[in-house]
């Protein structure tokens, strides 16, 4: 039987902790036998889980011999990792154990050096901190999970369930995974990735910045067909100077900023109005329905119709 060890550390997020326990515990083989044995492990007798205290039946020795180790997220992912936890995870990785993280649990794997040179994800709100703290990791904030073979990472909250179902399918095939998905009232594969849930706030510019009036003008003129030359003329500068100042103060280019602003406005209209997709695309400044659908999917990971079904 496949053994899954779930590691509970101080400030563990209860949702992240319970997701693998419930999912793997309820998974059954075609003949009705349980597919997994679960061990809940901790590095000390009592774990502070915020709203309750947890007493895990296994210590770190429970990680030894496990086929899979799951590291749930914690509410304080950047606190120093206990040396015993660091050593136990490193030793498990050296032995070839499959190790997966849920949400901010990615920071724990990163602190152990297990993600160096790999692609990884975490909750979209924490992705920029992961990238800044661990530049050797290729951080992808748009996906629900990343499978590197031995090491896997997932985004926040419900994405942990997507990852668990993915691992079940790897272990026992689609039929067993589909049955586990039905028990969880969850599709085996969700359309799109984490990108559809990201709120794309623009990089703030300091009050009084030379760009502040221009950004306000751009927001007020999203529906217009604007070129880089049009924007530079409004700013009263050359296109080259505009590009330099824009990147310095917003981290992106004028046209990229404009595309993102249009998509964000389109998301709002899809959520709050019954206007057709074609009408919304025209309202926010896309020249054709095809251009709107392509840009929207490139930014959010899903089509406008799917976004509306999910969030309206």
C-alpha atoms as a PDB file:
ATOM      1  CA  UNK A   1       0.000   0.000   0.000  1.00  0.00           C
ATOM      2  CA  UNK A   2       1.222   3.496  -0.850  1.00  0.00           C
ATOM      3  CA  UNK A   3       2.116   5.443   2.312  1.00  0.00           C
ATOM      4  CA  UNK A   4       1.510   9.205   2.423  1.00  0.00           C
ATOM      5  CA  UNK A   5       3.072  11.210   5.261  1.00  0.00           C
ATOM      6  CA  UNK A   6       1.519  14.629   5.888  1.00  0.00           C
ATOM      7  CA  UNK A   7       3.869  16.978   7.743  1.00  0.00           C
ATOM      8  CA  UNK A   8       2.217  19.361  10.221  1.00  0.00           C
ATOM      9  CA  UNK A   9       4.334  22.286  11.388  1.00  0.00           C
ATOM     10  CA  UNK A  10       3.480  25.182  13.711  1.00  0.00           C
ATOM     11  CA  UNK A  11       0.886  27.588  12.193  1.00  0.00           C
ATOM     12  CA  UNK A  12      -0.181  24.925   9.710  1.00  0.00           C
ATOM     13  CA  UNK A  13      -3.214  26.003   7.657  1.00  0.00           C
ATOM     14  CA  UNK A  14      -6.010  23.583   8.638  1.00  0.00           C
ATOM     15  CA  UNK A  15      -7.514  23.504   5.138  1.00  0.00           C
ATOM     16  CA  UNK A  16      -4.160  22.582   3.599  1.00  0.00           C
ATOM     17  CA  UNK A  17      -3.616  19.919   6.263  1.00  0.00           C
ATOM     18  CA  UNK A  18      -7.021  18.275   5.871  1.00  0.00           C
ATOM     19  CA  UNK A  19      -7.085  18.248   2.059  1.00  0.00           C
ATOM     20  CA  UNK A  20      -4.544  15.428   1.535  1.00  0.00           C
ATOM     21  CA  UNK A  21      -5.745  13.542   4.602  1.00  0.00           C
ATOM     22  CA  UNK A  22      -9.350  13.434   3.407  1.00  0.00           C
ATOM     23  CA  UNK A  23      -8.552  12.904  -0.276  1.00  0.00           C
ATOM     24  CA  UNK A  24      -6.102  10.040   0.128  1.00  0.00           C
ATOM     25  CA  UNK A  25      -8.002   8.404   2.995  1.00  0.00           C
ATOM     26  CA  UNK A  26     -11.176   8.114   0.905  1.00  0.00           C
ATOM     27  CA  UNK A  27      -9.465   6.835  -2.251  1.00  0.00           C
ATOM     28  CA  UNK A  28     -10.388   3.237  -3.058  1.00  0.00           C
ATOM     29  CA  UNK A  29      -9.027   0.701  -5.542  1.00  0.00           C
ATOM     30  CA  UNK A  30     -11.448  -1.038  -7.949  1.00  0.00           C
ATOM     31  CA  UNK A  31     -11.811  -3.974  -5.544  1.00  0.00           C
ATOM     32  CA  UNK A  32     -12.725  -1.649  -2.663  1.00  0.00           C
ATOM     33  CA  UNK A  33      -9.398  -1.779  -0.821  1.00  0.00           C
ATOM     34  CA  UNK A  34      -7.936   1.505   0.460  1.00  0.00           C
ATOM     35  CA  UNK A  35      -5.313   2.888  -1.897  1.00  0.00           C
ATOM     36  CA  UNK A  36      -3.272   4.785   0.686  1.00  0.00           C
ATOM     37  CA  UNK A  37      -2.064   4.611   4.253  1.00  0.00           C
ATOM     38  CA  UNK A  38      -1.863   8.039   5.932  1.00  0.00           C
ATOM     39  CA  UNK A  39       0.587   9.225   8.562  1.00  0.00           C
ATOM     40  CA  UNK A  40       0.234  12.672  10.140  1.00  0.00           C
ATOM     41  CA  UNK A  41       3.696  13.687  11.337  1.00  0.00           C
ATOM     42  CA  UNK A  42       5.063  16.591  13.356  1.00  0.00           C
ATOM     43  CA  UNK A  43       8.383  17.750  14.723  1.00  0.00           C
ATOM     44  CA  UNK A  44       7.127  18.168  18.286  1.00  0.00           C
ATOM     45  CA  UNK A  45       4.353  16.777  20.539  1.00  0.00           C
ATOM     46  CA  UNK A  46       1.895  19.652  20.019  1.00  0.00           C
ATOM     47  CA  UNK A  47       1.417  21.798  16.923  1.00  0.00           C
ATOM     48  CA  UNK A  48      -0.221  25.221  16.981  1.00  0.00           C
ATOM     49  CA  UNK A  49      -2.785  25.167  14.151  1.00  0.00           C
ATOM     50  CA  UNK A  50      -4.209  28.598  14.968  1.00  0.00           C
ATOM     51  CA  UNK A  51      -7.760  27.755  16.010  1.00  0.00           C
ATOM     52  CA  UNK A  52      -6.786  24.469  17.656  1.00  0.00           C
ATOM     53  CA  UNK A  53      -3.814  22.463  18.911  1.00  0.00           C
ATOM     54  CA  UNK A  54      -2.832  19.297  17.058  1.00  0.00           C
ATOM     55  CA  UNK A  55      -1.238  16.183  18.506  1.00  0.00           C
ATOM     56  CA  UNK A  56       0.154  14.175  15.646  1.00  0.00           C
ATOM     57  CA  UNK A  57       0.480  10.402  16.092  1.00  0.00           C
ATOM     58  CA  UNK A  58       3.849  10.357  14.307  1.00  0.00           C
ATOM     59  CA  UNK A  59       7.080  12.275  14.782  1.00  0.00           C
ATOM     60  CA  UNK A  60       9.555  13.049  12.045  1.00  0.00           C
ATOM     61  CA  UNK A  61      10.434   9.355  12.001  1.00  0.00           C
ATOM     62  CA  UNK A  62       7.094   8.869  10.247  1.00  0.00           C
ATOM     63  CA  UNK A  63       8.592  10.474   7.145  1.00  0.00           C
ATOM     64  CA  UNK A  64      11.060   7.606   6.840  1.00  0.00           C
ATOM     65  CA  UNK A  65       9.902   4.947   4.432  1.00  0.00           C
ATOM     66  CA  UNK A  66       6.938   6.984   3.169  1.00  0.00           C
ATOM     67  CA  UNK A  67       6.275   6.851  -0.558  1.00  0.00           C
ATOM     68  CA  UNK A  68       4.991  10.447  -0.600  1.00  0.00           C
ATOM     69  CA  UNK A  69       5.446  13.375   1.772  1.00  0.00           C
ATOM     70  CA  UNK A  70       2.951  16.250   1.669  1.00  0.00           C
ATOM     71  CA  UNK A  71       3.971  19.614   3.152  1.00  0.00           C
ATOM     72  CA  UNK A  72       0.877  21.803   3.807  1.00  0.00           C
ATOM     73  CA  UNK A  73       1.139  25.561   3.937  1.00  0.00           C
ATOM     74  CA  UNK A  74       1.631  27.582   7.090  1.00  0.00           C
ATOM     75  CA  UNK A  75       0.423  31.067   7.930  1.00  0.00           C
ATOM     76  CA  UNK A  76       4.040  32.141   8.572  1.00  0.00           C
ATOM     77  CA  UNK A  77       5.999  30.520   5.758  1.00  0.00           C
ATOM     78  CA  UNK A  78       9.134  32.654   6.076  1.00  0.00           C
ATOM     79  CA  UNK A  79      10.052  31.761   9.684  1.00  0.00           C
ATOM     80  CA  UNK A  80      13.341  29.849  10.037  1.00  0.00           C
ATOM     81  CA  UNK A  81      12.901  26.123   9.487  1.00  0.00           C
ATOM     82  CA  UNK A  82      13.822  23.800  12.368  1.00  0.00           C
ATOM     83  CA  UNK A  83      17.069  21.978  11.547  1.00  0.00           C
ATOM     84  CA  UNK A  84      15.439  18.607  12.217  1.00  0.00           C
ATOM     85  CA  UNK A  85      12.705  19.319   9.665  1.00  0.00           C
ATOM     86  CA  UNK A  86      15.239  20.574   7.129  1.00  0.00           C
ATOM     87  CA  UNK A  87      17.390  17.465   7.560  1.00  0.00           C
ATOM     88  CA  UNK A  88      14.426  15.070   7.438  1.00  0.00           C
ATOM     89  CA  UNK A  89      13.089  16.512   4.171  1.00  0.00           C
ATOM     90  CA  UNK A  90      16.549  16.615   2.597  1.00  0.00           C
ATOM     91  CA  UNK A  91      17.146  12.998   3.585  1.00  0.00           C
ATOM     92  CA  UNK A  92      13.788  11.910   2.163  1.00  0.00           C
ATOM     93  CA  UNK A  93      14.537  13.697  -1.113  1.00  0.00           C
ATOM     94  CA  UNK A  94      17.954  12.029  -1.324  1.00  0.00           C
ATOM     95  CA  UNK A  95      16.254   8.640  -0.963  1.00  0.00           C
ATOM     96  CA  UNK A  96      13.932   9.410  -3.885  1.00  0.00           C
ATOM     97  CA  UNK A  97      10.747  10.011  -1.891  1.00  0.00           C
ATOM     98  CA  UNK A  98       8.090  11.991  -3.756  1.00  0.00           C
ATOM     99  CA  UNK A  99       7.573  15.319  -1.974  1.00  0.00           C
ATOM    100  CA  UNK A 100       4.704  17.729  -2.660  1.00  0.00           C
ATOM    101  CA  UNK A 101       3.709  21.066  -1.163  1.00  0.00           C
ATOM    102  CA  UNK A 102       0.353  22.794  -0.863  1.00  0.00           C
ATOM    103  CA  UNK A 103       0.053  26.593  -1.001  1.00  0.00           C
ATOM    104  CA  UNK A 104       2.775  28.287   1.078  1.00  0.00           C
ATOM    105  CA  UNK A 105       4.311  24.890   1.832  1.00  0.00           C
ATOM    106  CA  UNK A 106       6.375  25.683  -1.265  1.00  0.00           C
ATOM    107  CA  UNK A 107       8.433  28.059   0.897  1.00  0.00           C
ATOM    108  CA  UNK A 108       9.404  25.127   3.132  1.00  0.00           C
ATOM    109  CA  UNK A 109      10.640  23.091   0.174  1.00  0.00           C
ATOM    110  CA  UNK A 110      12.466  26.175  -1.094  1.00  0.00           C
ATOM    111  CA  UNK A 111      14.159  26.683   2.276  1.00  0.00           C
ATOM    112  CA  UNK A 112      15.431  23.103   2.043  1.00  0.00           C
ATOM    113  CA  UNK A 113      16.909  23.774  -1.398  1.00  0.00           C
ATOM    114  CA  UNK A 114      14.632  21.176  -2.993  1.00  0.00           C
ATOM    115  CA  UNK A 115      13.353  23.558  -5.664  1.00  0.00           C
ATOM    116  CA  UNK A 116      16.648  25.003  -6.878  1.00  0.00           C
ATOM    117  CA  UNK A 117      16.672  25.087 -10.662  1.00  0.00           C
ATOM    118  CA  UNK A 118      13.071  23.865 -10.863  1.00  0.00           C
ATOM    119  CA  UNK A 119       9.755  25.398 -11.869  1.00  0.00           C
ATOM    120  CA  UNK A 120       7.348  25.833  -8.953  1.00  0.00           C
ATOM    121  CA  UNK A 121       4.160  27.576  -7.915  1.00  0.00           C
ATOM    122  CA  UNK A 122       2.446  28.781  -4.767  1.00  0.00           C
ATOM    123  CA  UNK A 123      -0.549  30.943  -3.884  1.00  0.00           C
ATOM    124  CA  UNK A 124      -0.605  33.836  -6.352  1.00  0.00           C
ATOM    125  CA  UNK A 125      -0.483  36.422  -3.568  1.00  0.00           C
ATOM    126  CA  UNK A 126       2.800  34.938  -2.314  1.00  0.00           C
ATOM    127  CA  UNK A 127       4.412  34.223  -5.703  1.00  0.00           C
ATOM    128  CA  UNK A 128       6.359  37.491  -5.889  1.00  0.00           C
ATOM    129  CA  UNK A 129       7.832  36.880  -2.414  1.00  0.00           C
ATOM    130  CA  UNK A 130       8.885  33.361  -3.406  1.00  0.00           C
ATOM    131  CA  UNK A 131      10.545  34.704  -6.556  1.00  0.00           C
ATOM    132  CA  UNK A 132      12.299  37.489  -4.640  1.00  0.00           C
ATOM    133  CA  UNK A 133      13.504  35.218  -1.840  1.00  0.00           C
ATOM    134  CA  UNK A 134      14.593  32.346  -4.054  1.00  0.00           C
ATOM    135  CA  UNK A 135      15.748  33.688  -7.448  1.00  0.00           C
ATOM    136  CA  UNK A 136      17.076  30.259  -8.430  1.00  0.00           C
ATOM    137  CA  UNK A 137      13.466  28.973  -8.650  1.00  0.00           C
ATOM    138  CA  UNK A 138      11.380  29.540 -11.798  1.00  0.00           C
ATOM    139  CA  UNK A 139       8.140  30.733 -10.189  1.00  0.00           C
ATOM    140  CA  UNK A 140       4.952  30.279 -12.233  1.00  0.00           C
ATOM    141  CA  UNK A 141       2.053  32.084 -10.503  1.00  0.00           C
ATOM    142  CA  UNK A 142      -0.538  31.189 -13.160  1.00  0.00           C
ATOM    143  CA  UNK A 143      -0.897  27.415 -12.768  1.00  0.00           C
ATOM    144  CA  UNK A 144      -2.725  25.219 -10.248  1.00  0.00           C
ATOM    145  CA  UNK A 145       0.219  22.886  -9.722  1.00  0.00           C
ATOM    146  CA  UNK A 146       3.641  21.961 -11.109  1.00  0.00           C
ATOM    147  CA  UNK A 147       4.848  18.359 -11.426  1.00  0.00           C
ATOM    148  CA  UNK A 148       8.635  18.016 -11.678  1.00  0.00           C
ATOM    149  CA  UNK A 149       8.504  14.244 -11.211  1.00  0.00           C
ATOM    150  CA  UNK A 150       9.844  13.771  -7.682  1.00  0.00           C
ATOM    151  CA  UNK A 151       9.027  17.282  -6.434  1.00  0.00           C
ATOM    152  CA  UNK A 152       5.569  18.823  -6.897  1.00  0.00           C
ATOM    153  CA  UNK A 153       4.102  22.154  -5.799  1.00  0.00           C
ATOM    154  CA  UNK A 154       0.573  23.556  -5.842  1.00  0.00           C
ATOM    155  CA  UNK A 155      -1.130  26.911  -5.604  1.00  0.00           C
ATOM    156  CA  UNK A 156      -3.412  27.992  -2.761  1.00  0.00           C
ATOM    157  CA  UNK A 157      -6.378  26.358  -1.073  1.00  0.00           C
ATOM    158  CA  UNK A 158      -8.418  24.218  -3.497  1.00  0.00           C
ATOM    159  CA  UNK A 159      -5.414  23.775  -5.812  1.00  0.00           C
ATOM    160  CA  UNK A 160      -4.122  21.314  -3.218  1.00  0.00           C
ATOM    161  CA  UNK A 161      -7.046  19.084  -4.132  1.00  0.00           C
ATOM    162  CA  UNK A 162      -6.147  19.378  -7.828  1.00  0.00           C
ATOM    163  CA  UNK A 163      -2.628  18.255  -6.946  1.00  0.00           C
ATOM    164  CA  UNK A 164      -3.817  15.306  -4.833  1.00  0.00           C
ATOM    165  CA  UNK A 165      -6.097  14.075  -7.627  1.00  0.00           C
ATOM    166  CA  UNK A 166      -3.197  14.433 -10.078  1.00  0.00           C
ATOM    167  CA  UNK A 167      -0.988  12.254  -7.851  1.00  0.00           C
ATOM    168  CA  UNK A 168      -3.743   9.639  -7.489  1.00  0.00           C
ATOM    169  CA  UNK A 169      -4.003   9.476 -11.260  1.00  0.00           C
ATOM    170  CA  UNK A 170      -0.225   9.054 -11.485  1.00  0.00           C
ATOM    171  CA  UNK A 171      -0.310   6.246  -8.919  1.00  0.00           C
ATOM    172  CA  UNK A 172      -3.413   4.290  -9.912  1.00  0.00           C
ATOM    173  CA  UNK A 173      -4.741   5.648 -13.215  1.00  0.00           C
ATOM    174  CA  UNK A 174      -7.660   7.770 -14.336  1.00  0.00           C
ATOM    175  CA  UNK A 175     -10.479   5.469 -13.187  1.00  0.00           C
ATOM    176  CA  UNK A 176      -9.384   5.523  -9.521  1.00  0.00           C
ATOM    177  CA  UNK A 177      -8.663   9.263  -9.715  1.00  0.00           C
ATOM    178  CA  UNK A 178     -12.065   9.971 -11.294  1.00  0.00           C
ATOM    179  CA  UNK A 179     -13.774   8.068  -8.473  1.00  0.00           C
ATOM    180  CA  UNK A 180     -11.816  10.093  -5.893  1.00  0.00           C
ATOM    181  CA  UNK A 181     -12.803  13.286  -7.712  1.00  0.00           C
ATOM    182  CA  UNK A 182     -16.494  12.343  -7.583  1.00  0.00           C
ATOM    183  CA  UNK A 183     -16.259  11.698  -3.842  1.00  0.00           C
ATOM    184  CA  UNK A 184     -14.705  15.161  -3.478  1.00  0.00           C
ATOM    185  CA  UNK A 185     -17.414  16.722  -5.710  1.00  0.00           C
ATOM    186  CA  UNK A 186     -14.573  18.040  -7.823  1.00  0.00           C
ATOM    187  CA  UNK A 187     -13.741  17.812 -11.547  1.00  0.00           C
ATOM    188  CA  UNK A 188     -10.700  15.654 -12.227  1.00  0.00           C
ATOM    189  CA  UNK A 189      -9.288  18.535 -14.279  1.00  0.00           C
ATOM    190  CA  UNK A 190     -10.293  22.176 -13.914  1.00  0.00           C
ATOM    191  CA  UNK A 191     -10.210  24.382 -16.974  1.00  0.00           C
ATOM    192  CA  UNK A 192      -7.631  27.121 -16.793  1.00  0.00           C
ATOM    193  CA  UNK A 193      -5.157  27.685 -14.008  1.00  0.00           C
ATOM    194  CA  UNK A 194      -4.614  29.986 -11.071  1.00  0.00           C
ATOM    195  CA  UNK A 195      -4.379  32.946 -13.430  1.00  0.00           C
ATOM    196  CA  UNK A 196      -8.168  33.306 -13.593  1.00  0.00           C
ATOM    197  CA  UNK A 197      -8.257  34.058  -9.847  1.00  0.00           C
ATOM    198  CA  UNK A 198      -5.483  36.640  -9.793  1.00  0.00           C
ATOM    199  CA  UNK A 199      -6.477  40.244  -9.213  1.00  0.00           C
ATOM    200  CA  UNK A 200      -4.115  42.172 -11.475  1.00  0.00           C
ATOM    201  CA  UNK A 201      -3.600  45.393  -9.578  1.00  0.00           C
ATOM    202  CA  UNK A 202      -1.360  47.844 -11.346  1.00  0.00           C
ATOM    203  CA  UNK A 203       1.954  48.734  -9.790  1.00  0.00           C
ATOM    204  CA  UNK A 204       1.274  51.874  -7.752  1.00  0.00           C
ATOM    205  CA  UNK A 205       3.057  55.034  -8.800  1.00  0.00           C
ATOM    206  CA  UNK A 206       4.088  57.647  -6.241  1.00  0.00           C
ATOM    207  CA  UNK A 207       1.680  60.526  -5.802  1.00  0.00           C
ATOM    208  CA  UNK A 208       2.862  63.443  -7.882  1.00  0.00           C
ATOM    209  CA  UNK A 209       4.691  61.137 -10.272  1.00  0.00           C
ATOM    210  CA  UNK A 210       4.973  62.382 -13.845  1.00  0.00           C
ATOM    211  CA  UNK A 211       3.075  59.279 -14.953  1.00  0.00           C
ATOM    212  CA  UNK A 212       0.089  59.736 -12.643  1.00  0.00           C
ATOM    213  CA  UNK A 213      -1.940  62.000 -15.001  1.00  0.00           C
ATOM    214  CA  UNK A 214      -1.118  59.726 -17.940  1.00  0.00           C
ATOM    215  CA  UNK A 215      -2.315  56.577 -16.158  1.00  0.00           C
ATOM    216  CA  UNK A 216      -5.560  58.324 -15.257  1.00  0.00           C
ATOM    217  CA  UNK A 217      -5.988  59.323 -18.907  1.00  0.00           C
ATOM    218  CA  UNK A 218      -5.336  55.759 -20.043  1.00  0.00           C
ATOM    219  CA  UNK A 219      -7.980  54.387 -17.653  1.00  0.00           C
ATOM    220  CA  UNK A 220     -10.474  56.945 -18.978  1.00  0.00           C
ATOM    221  CA  UNK A 221      -9.708  56.063 -22.593  1.00  0.00           C
ATOM    222  CA  UNK A 222      -9.542  52.269 -22.587  1.00  0.00           C
ATOM    223  CA  UNK A 223     -12.152  52.023 -25.355  1.00  0.00           C
ATOM    224  CA  UNK A 224     -10.077  54.096 -27.785  1.00  0.00           C
ATOM    225  CA  UNK A 225      -7.685  52.535 -30.280  1.00  0.00           C
ATOM    226  CA  UNK A 226      -4.380  53.755 -28.868  1.00  0.00           C
ATOM    227  CA  UNK A 227      -0.886  53.363 -30.262  1.00  0.00           C
ATOM    228  CA  UNK A 228       2.416  53.921 -28.500  1.00  0.00           C
ATOM    229  CA  UNK A 229       2.739  57.178 -30.446  1.00  0.00           C
ATOM    230  CA  UNK A 230      -0.707  58.308 -29.183  1.00  0.00           C
ATOM    231  CA  UNK A 231       0.303  57.640 -25.587  1.00  0.00           C
ATOM    232  CA  UNK A 232       3.642  59.409 -26.010  1.00  0.00           C
ATOM    233  CA  UNK A 233       1.881  62.423 -27.542  1.00  0.00           C
ATOM    234  CA  UNK A 234      -0.496  62.581 -24.571  1.00  0.00           C
ATOM    235  CA  UNK A 235       2.510  62.441 -22.238  1.00  0.00           C
ATOM    236  CA  UNK A 236       4.292  65.132 -24.243  1.00  0.00           C
ATOM    237  CA  UNK A 237       7.431  63.072 -24.708  1.00  0.00           C
ATOM    238  CA  UNK A 238       9.150  60.772 -27.200  1.00  0.00           C
ATOM    239  CA  UNK A 239       8.214  57.100 -27.395  1.00  0.00           C
ATOM    240  CA  UNK A 240      11.711  56.147 -26.240  1.00  0.00           C
ATOM    241  CA  UNK A 241      11.543  58.354 -23.157  1.00  0.00           C
ATOM    242  CA  UNK A 242       8.003  57.133 -22.440  1.00  0.00           C
ATOM    243  CA  UNK A 243       9.119  53.490 -22.572  1.00  0.00           C
ATOM    244  CA  UNK A 244      12.005  54.164 -20.197  1.00  0.00           C
ATOM    245  CA  UNK A 245       9.939  56.109 -17.656  1.00  0.00           C
ATOM    246  CA  UNK A 246       7.054  53.637 -17.827  1.00  0.00           C
ATOM    247  CA  UNK A 247       9.259  50.645 -17.147  1.00  0.00           C
ATOM    248  CA  UNK A 248      11.050  52.450 -14.324  1.00  0.00           C
ATOM    249  CA  UNK A 249       7.800  53.362 -12.546  1.00  0.00           C
ATOM    250  CA  UNK A 250       5.454  50.469 -13.394  1.00  0.00           C
ATOM    251  CA  UNK A 251       7.743  47.569 -14.288  1.00  0.00           C
ATOM    252  CA  UNK A 252       6.048  47.075 -17.655  1.00  0.00           C
ATOM    253  CA  UNK A 253       5.506  48.754 -21.022  1.00  0.00           C
ATOM    254  CA  UNK A 254       2.690  51.207 -21.863  1.00  0.00           C
ATOM    255  CA  UNK A 255       0.901  48.779 -24.196  1.00  0.00           C
ATOM    256  CA  UNK A 256       1.217  45.843 -21.770  1.00  0.00           C
ATOM    257  CA  UNK A 257      -0.192  48.047 -19.018  1.00  0.00           C
ATOM    258  CA  UNK A 258      -3.041  49.072 -21.337  1.00  0.00           C
ATOM    259  CA  UNK A 259      -3.850  45.459 -22.308  1.00  0.00           C
ATOM    260  CA  UNK A 260      -3.951  44.409 -18.663  1.00  0.00           C
ATOM    261  CA  UNK A 261      -6.179  47.362 -17.746  1.00  0.00           C
ATOM    262  CA  UNK A 262      -8.570  46.409 -20.537  1.00  0.00           C
ATOM    263  CA  UNK A 263      -8.717  42.786 -19.411  1.00  0.00           C
ATOM    264  CA  UNK A 264      -9.307  43.837 -15.796  1.00  0.00           C
ATOM    265  CA  UNK A 265     -12.196  46.073 -16.898  1.00  0.00           C
ATOM    266  CA  UNK A 266     -13.556  43.218 -19.013  1.00  0.00           C
ATOM    267  CA  UNK A 267     -13.448  40.921 -15.965  1.00  0.00           C
ATOM    268  CA  UNK A 268     -15.500  43.456 -14.040  1.00  0.00           C
ATOM    269  CA  UNK A 269     -18.089  43.702 -16.843  1.00  0.00           C
ATOM    270  CA  UNK A 270     -18.291  39.910 -17.206  1.00  0.00           C
ATOM    271  CA  UNK A 271     -18.923  39.625 -13.463  1.00  0.00           C
ATOM    272  CA  UNK A 272     -21.502  42.413 -13.157  1.00  0.00           C
ATOM    273  CA  UNK A 273     -23.364  42.767 -16.472  1.00  0.00           C
ATOM    274  CA  UNK A 274     -25.237  40.626 -18.946  1.00  0.00           C
ATOM    275  CA  UNK A 275     -23.587  42.247 -21.956  1.00  0.00           C
ATOM    276  CA  UNK A 276     -22.417  39.902 -24.702  1.00  0.00           C
ATOM    277  CA  UNK A 277     -18.757  38.986 -24.917  1.00  0.00           C
ATOM    278  CA  UNK A 278     -18.536  40.854 -28.230  1.00  0.00           C
ATOM    279  CA  UNK A 279     -19.975  44.007 -26.711  1.00  0.00           C
ATOM    280  CA  UNK A 280     -17.664  43.877 -23.711  1.00  0.00           C
ATOM    281  CA  UNK A 281     -14.629  43.394 -25.959  1.00  0.00           C
ATOM    282  CA  UNK A 282     -15.576  46.516 -27.908  1.00  0.00           C
ATOM    283  CA  UNK A 283     -16.341  48.468 -24.706  1.00  0.00           C
ATOM    284  CA  UNK A 284     -12.845  47.925 -23.352  1.00  0.00           C
ATOM    285  CA  UNK A 285     -11.060  48.751 -26.599  1.00  0.00           C
ATOM    286  CA  UNK A 286     -10.322  45.527 -28.451  1.00  0.00           C
ATOM    287  CA  UNK A 287     -10.637  45.856 -32.192  1.00  0.00           C
ATOM    288  CA  UNK A 288     -12.276  42.486 -32.762  1.00  0.00           C
ATOM    289  CA  UNK A 289     -13.925  39.692 -30.730  1.00  0.00           C
ATOM    290  CA  UNK A 290     -11.069  37.373 -31.713  1.00  0.00           C
ATOM    291  CA  UNK A 291      -8.421  39.786 -30.428  1.00  0.00           C
ATOM    292  CA  UNK A 292     -10.386  40.171 -27.180  1.00  0.00           C
ATOM    293  CA  UNK A 293     -10.755  36.414 -26.624  1.00  0.00           C
ATOM    294  CA  UNK A 294      -7.082  35.765 -27.397  1.00  0.00           C
ATOM    295  CA  UNK A 295      -5.800  38.480 -25.059  1.00  0.00           C
ATOM    296  CA  UNK A 296      -8.260  37.557 -22.294  1.00  0.00           C
ATOM    297  CA  UNK A 297      -7.266  33.888 -22.358  1.00  0.00           C
ATOM    298  CA  UNK A 298      -3.570  34.746 -22.524  1.00  0.00           C
ATOM    299  CA  UNK A 299      -3.940  36.865 -19.379  1.00  0.00           C
ATOM    300  CA  UNK A 300      -6.382  34.795 -17.299  1.00  0.00           C
ATOM    301  CA  UNK A 301      -5.901  31.285 -18.654  1.00  0.00           C
ATOM    302  CA  UNK A 302      -9.590  30.839 -19.552  1.00  0.00           C
ATOM    303  CA  UNK A 303     -12.015  32.159 -22.154  1.00  0.00           C
ATOM    304  CA  UNK A 304     -14.357  35.079 -21.363  1.00  0.00           C
ATOM    305  CA  UNK A 305     -17.329  32.672 -21.400  1.00  0.00           C
ATOM    306  CA  UNK A 306     -15.681  30.340 -18.880  1.00  0.00           C
ATOM    307  CA  UNK A 307     -14.685  33.274 -16.680  1.00  0.00           C
ATOM    308  CA  UNK A 308     -18.280  34.518 -16.664  1.00  0.00           C
ATOM    309  CA  UNK A 309     -19.641  31.072 -15.732  1.00  0.00           C
ATOM    310  CA  UNK A 310     -17.183  30.879 -12.862  1.00  0.00           C
ATOM    311  CA  UNK A 311     -17.448  34.376 -11.385  1.00  0.00           C
ATOM    312  CA  UNK A 312     -20.721  36.016 -12.424  1.00  0.00           C
END
